[in-house]
Amino acid sequence: MGQVTIYLDDETEQKMVANARAMNLSKSKWIASVIREKLVDEWPATVRELPGSWQDFPSLNELRASGGTDVERESL
């Protein structure tokens, strides 16, 4: 198991200690959980299930058909 030394400013350390205490974790375990959370390379299942879940969402063609006319751009 690897070891890492980090340096934190006082405010960040106080927030980390309070958060670790609230989660009933040691500082080391809290930091390891934050690192694991940041290293996730896959969307959660709840996000992956979203596409197609809105039955009344208009199709791309319907969205484009009701687009109206573009506004004239400002000159640069």
N, C-alpha and C. Protein backbone atom coordinates (compact mmCIF):
# COMPACT_ATOMS: atom_id res chain seq x y z
N MET A 1 0.84 -1.17 0.00
CA MET A 1 0.00 0.00 0.00
C MET A 1 0.89 1.23 0.00
N GLY A 2 0.62 2.16 -0.91
CA GLY A 2 1.43 3.35 -1.03
C GLY A 2 1.09 4.41 0.01
N GLN A 3 2.05 5.28 0.26
CA GLN A 3 1.84 6.40 1.16
C GLN A 3 2.11 7.69 0.40
N VAL A 4 1.34 8.72 0.72
CA VAL A 4 1.48 10.02 0.07
C VAL A 4 1.48 11.10 1.14
N THR A 5 2.35 12.06 1.00
CA THR A 5 2.36 13.21 1.90
C THR A 5 1.78 14.40 1.15
N ILE A 6 0.81 15.07 1.78
CA ILE A 6 0.24 16.26 1.15
C ILE A 6 0.32 17.44 2.12
N TYR A 7 0.32 18.63 1.58
CA TYR A 7 0.35 19.84 2.39
C TYR A 7 -0.92 20.62 2.08
N LEU A 8 -1.65 20.98 3.13
CA LEU A 8 -2.90 21.70 2.98
C LEU A 8 -2.83 23.02 3.73
N ASP A 9 -3.48 24.04 3.18
CA ASP A 9 -3.59 25.28 3.94
C ASP A 9 -4.56 25.03 5.10
N ASP A 10 -4.54 25.90 6.09
CA ASP A 10 -5.31 25.68 7.32
C ASP A 10 -6.81 25.55 7.06
N GLU A 11 -7.35 26.40 6.21
CA GLU A 11 -8.79 26.37 5.94
C GLU A 11 -9.21 25.04 5.30
N THR A 12 -8.43 24.59 4.31
CA THR A 12 -8.73 23.32 3.64
C THR A 12 -8.63 22.16 4.62
N GLU A 13 -7.63 22.19 5.48
CA GLU A 13 -7.48 21.11 6.46
C GLU A 13 -8.65 21.08 7.43
N GLN A 14 -9.08 22.24 7.88
CA GLN A 14 -10.22 22.30 8.81
C GLN A 14 -11.48 21.73 8.17
N LYS A 15 -11.71 22.06 6.90
CA LYS A 15 -12.88 21.53 6.19
C LYS A 15 -12.77 20.02 6.01
N MET A 16 -11.56 19.55 5.69
CA MET A 16 -11.35 18.13 5.51
C MET A 16 -11.58 17.37 6.82
N VAL A 17 -11.05 17.88 7.91
CA VAL A 17 -11.20 17.24 9.21
C VAL A 17 -12.68 17.20 9.60
N ALA A 18 -13.39 18.29 9.39
CA ALA A 18 -14.82 18.33 9.74
C ALA A 18 -15.61 17.33 8.91
N ASN A 19 -15.29 17.25 7.62
CA ASN A 19 -16.00 16.33 6.74
C ASN A 19 -15.68 14.88 7.11
N ALA A 20 -14.42 14.59 7.37
CA ALA A 20 -14.03 13.23 7.76
C ALA A 20 -14.70 12.84 9.07
N ARG A 21 -14.74 13.76 9.99
CA ARG A 21 -15.38 13.49 11.29
C ARG A 21 -16.87 13.22 11.10
N ALA A 22 -17.53 14.02 10.25
CA ALA A 22 -18.96 13.85 9.99
C ALA A 22 -19.26 12.49 9.35
N MET A 23 -18.31 12.00 8.56
CA MET A 23 -18.49 10.69 7.91
C MET A 23 -17.93 9.55 8.75
N ASN A 24 -17.43 9.89 9.95
CA ASN A 24 -16.87 8.90 10.86
C ASN A 24 -15.71 8.13 10.22
N LEU A 25 -14.85 8.88 9.52
CA LEU A 25 -13.68 8.29 8.86
C LEU A 25 -12.41 8.96 9.37
N SER A 26 -11.31 8.25 9.29
CA SER A 26 -10.02 8.88 9.55
C SER A 26 -9.70 9.81 8.38
N LYS A 27 -8.78 10.73 8.60
CA LYS A 27 -8.40 11.65 7.51
C LYS A 27 -7.86 10.85 6.32
N SER A 28 -7.07 9.83 6.60
CA SER A 28 -6.48 9.02 5.53
C SER A 28 -7.57 8.32 4.72
N LYS A 29 -8.54 7.71 5.41
CA LYS A 29 -9.61 7.01 4.69
C LYS A 29 -10.49 8.00 3.93
N TRP A 30 -10.71 9.18 4.50
CA TRP A 30 -11.52 10.20 3.81
C TRP A 30 -10.83 10.63 2.52
N ILE A 31 -9.54 10.91 2.59
CA ILE A 31 -8.77 11.33 1.40
C ILE A 31 -8.78 10.22 0.36
N ALA A 32 -8.58 8.97 0.78
CA ALA A 32 -8.60 7.84 -0.16
C ALA A 32 -9.96 7.73 -0.84
N SER A 33 -11.05 7.96 -0.10
CA SER A 33 -12.39 7.88 -0.72
C SER A 33 -12.60 8.99 -1.73
N VAL A 34 -12.09 10.19 -1.45
CA VAL A 34 -12.21 11.30 -2.40
C VAL A 34 -11.42 10.99 -3.67
N ILE A 35 -10.24 10.44 -3.52
CA ILE A 35 -9.43 10.10 -4.69
C ILE A 35 -10.12 9.01 -5.52
N ARG A 36 -10.65 7.98 -4.85
CA ARG A 36 -11.38 6.92 -5.57
C ARG A 36 -12.56 7.50 -6.33
N GLU A 37 -13.28 8.40 -5.70
CA GLU A 37 -14.45 9.04 -6.33
C GLU A 37 -14.03 9.81 -7.59
N LYS A 38 -12.91 10.49 -7.54
CA LYS A 38 -12.44 11.27 -8.68
C LYS A 38 -11.89 10.40 -9.80
N LEU A 39 -11.51 9.18 -9.51
CA LEU A 39 -10.93 8.29 -10.51
C LEU A 39 -11.97 7.43 -11.24
N VAL A 40 -13.22 7.57 -10.89
CA VAL A 40 -14.27 6.80 -11.56
C VAL A 40 -14.30 7.20 -13.03
N ASP A 41 -14.25 6.22 -13.92
CA ASP A 41 -14.21 6.53 -15.34
C ASP A 41 -15.46 6.04 -16.07
N GLU A 42 -16.54 5.89 -15.32
CA GLU A 42 -17.77 5.41 -15.91
C GLU A 42 -18.94 6.19 -15.32
N TRP A 43 -19.94 6.49 -16.15
CA TRP A 43 -21.12 7.20 -15.66
C TRP A 43 -21.89 6.29 -14.71
N PRO A 44 -22.51 6.85 -13.67
CA PRO A 44 -23.35 6.04 -12.78
C PRO A 44 -24.53 5.44 -13.56
N ALA A 45 -25.05 4.32 -13.09
CA ALA A 45 -26.17 3.64 -13.75
C ALA A 45 -27.36 4.57 -13.91
N THR A 46 -27.60 5.42 -12.92
CA THR A 46 -28.76 6.33 -13.00
C THR A 46 -28.64 7.29 -14.18
N VAL A 47 -27.42 7.69 -14.51
CA VAL A 47 -27.21 8.58 -15.66
C VAL A 47 -27.33 7.80 -16.96
N ARG A 48 -26.77 6.58 -16.99
CA ARG A 48 -26.83 5.76 -18.21
C ARG A 48 -28.26 5.37 -18.57
N GLU A 49 -29.16 5.35 -17.60
CA GLU A 49 -30.55 4.98 -17.86
C GLU A 49 -31.39 6.14 -18.36
N LEU A 50 -30.88 7.36 -18.35
CA LEU A 50 -31.66 8.54 -18.72
C LEU A 50 -32.07 8.62 -20.19
N PRO A 51 -31.20 8.31 -21.16
CA PRO A 51 -31.61 8.46 -22.56
C PRO A 51 -32.89 7.67 -22.87
N GLY A 52 -33.85 8.39 -23.45
CA GLY A 52 -35.11 7.77 -23.83
C GLY A 52 -36.13 7.71 -22.71
N SER A 53 -35.79 8.25 -21.53
CA SER A 53 -36.72 8.15 -20.41
C SER A 53 -37.80 9.23 -20.44
N TRP A 54 -37.67 10.25 -21.29
CA TRP A 54 -38.69 11.29 -21.42
C TRP A 54 -39.58 10.94 -22.60
N GLN A 55 -40.77 10.48 -22.32
CA GLN A 55 -41.69 10.05 -23.38
C GLN A 55 -42.18 11.22 -24.23
N ASP A 56 -42.33 12.40 -23.64
CA ASP A 56 -42.88 13.54 -24.38
C ASP A 56 -41.81 14.47 -24.94
N PHE A 57 -40.54 14.05 -24.91
CA PHE A 57 -39.46 14.89 -25.42
C PHE A 57 -39.51 14.88 -26.95
N PRO A 58 -39.48 16.06 -27.58
CA PRO A 58 -39.59 16.10 -29.05
C PRO A 58 -38.36 15.49 -29.73
N SER A 59 -38.58 14.98 -30.93
CA SER A 59 -37.48 14.42 -31.71
C SER A 59 -36.61 15.55 -32.26
N LEU A 60 -35.46 15.20 -32.78
CA LEU A 60 -34.56 16.19 -33.35
C LEU A 60 -35.23 16.93 -34.50
N ASN A 61 -35.94 16.21 -35.36
CA ASN A 61 -36.64 16.85 -36.47
C ASN A 61 -37.70 17.82 -35.99
N GLU A 62 -38.43 17.46 -34.93
CA GLU A 62 -39.44 18.37 -34.38
C GLU A 62 -38.79 19.62 -33.79
N LEU A 63 -37.67 19.45 -33.13
CA LEU A 63 -36.96 20.61 -32.58
C LEU A 63 -36.49 21.55 -33.68
N ARG A 64 -35.94 20.98 -34.75
CA ARG A 64 -35.43 21.79 -35.85
C ARG A 64 -36.56 22.46 -36.63
N ALA A 65 -37.71 21.81 -36.75
CA ALA A 65 -38.83 22.37 -37.52
C ALA A 65 -39.42 23.60 -36.84
N SER A 66 -39.35 23.66 -35.53
CA SER A 66 -39.96 24.78 -34.82
C SER A 66 -38.95 25.85 -34.45
N GLY A 67 -37.79 25.83 -35.11
CA GLY A 67 -36.71 26.73 -34.75
C GLY A 67 -36.92 28.19 -35.11
N GLY A 68 -37.79 28.49 -36.06
CA GLY A 68 -37.98 29.88 -36.45
C GLY A 68 -36.82 30.37 -37.28
N THR A 69 -36.65 31.67 -37.32
CA THR A 69 -35.57 32.26 -38.11
C THR A 69 -34.47 32.76 -37.19
N ASP A 70 -33.26 32.72 -37.70
CA ASP A 70 -32.12 33.21 -36.93
C ASP A 70 -32.15 34.72 -36.82
N VAL A 71 -31.55 35.21 -35.79
CA VAL A 71 -31.41 36.65 -35.57
C VAL A 71 -30.15 37.11 -36.28
N GLU A 72 -30.19 38.29 -36.86
CA GLU A 72 -29.03 38.87 -37.55
C GLU A 72 -27.89 39.06 -36.55
N ARG A 73 -26.71 38.63 -36.92
CA ARG A 73 -25.54 38.81 -36.04
C ARG A 73 -25.08 40.25 -36.05
N GLU A 74 -24.47 40.64 -34.95
CA GLU A 74 -23.88 41.98 -34.88
C GLU A 74 -22.60 41.99 -35.71
N SER A 75 -22.30 43.13 -36.28
CA SER A 75 -21.04 43.23 -37.01
C SER A 75 -19.90 43.40 -36.01
N LEU A 76 -18.75 42.87 -36.37
CA LEU A 76 -17.60 42.94 -35.45
C LEU A 76 -16.85 44.19 -35.59
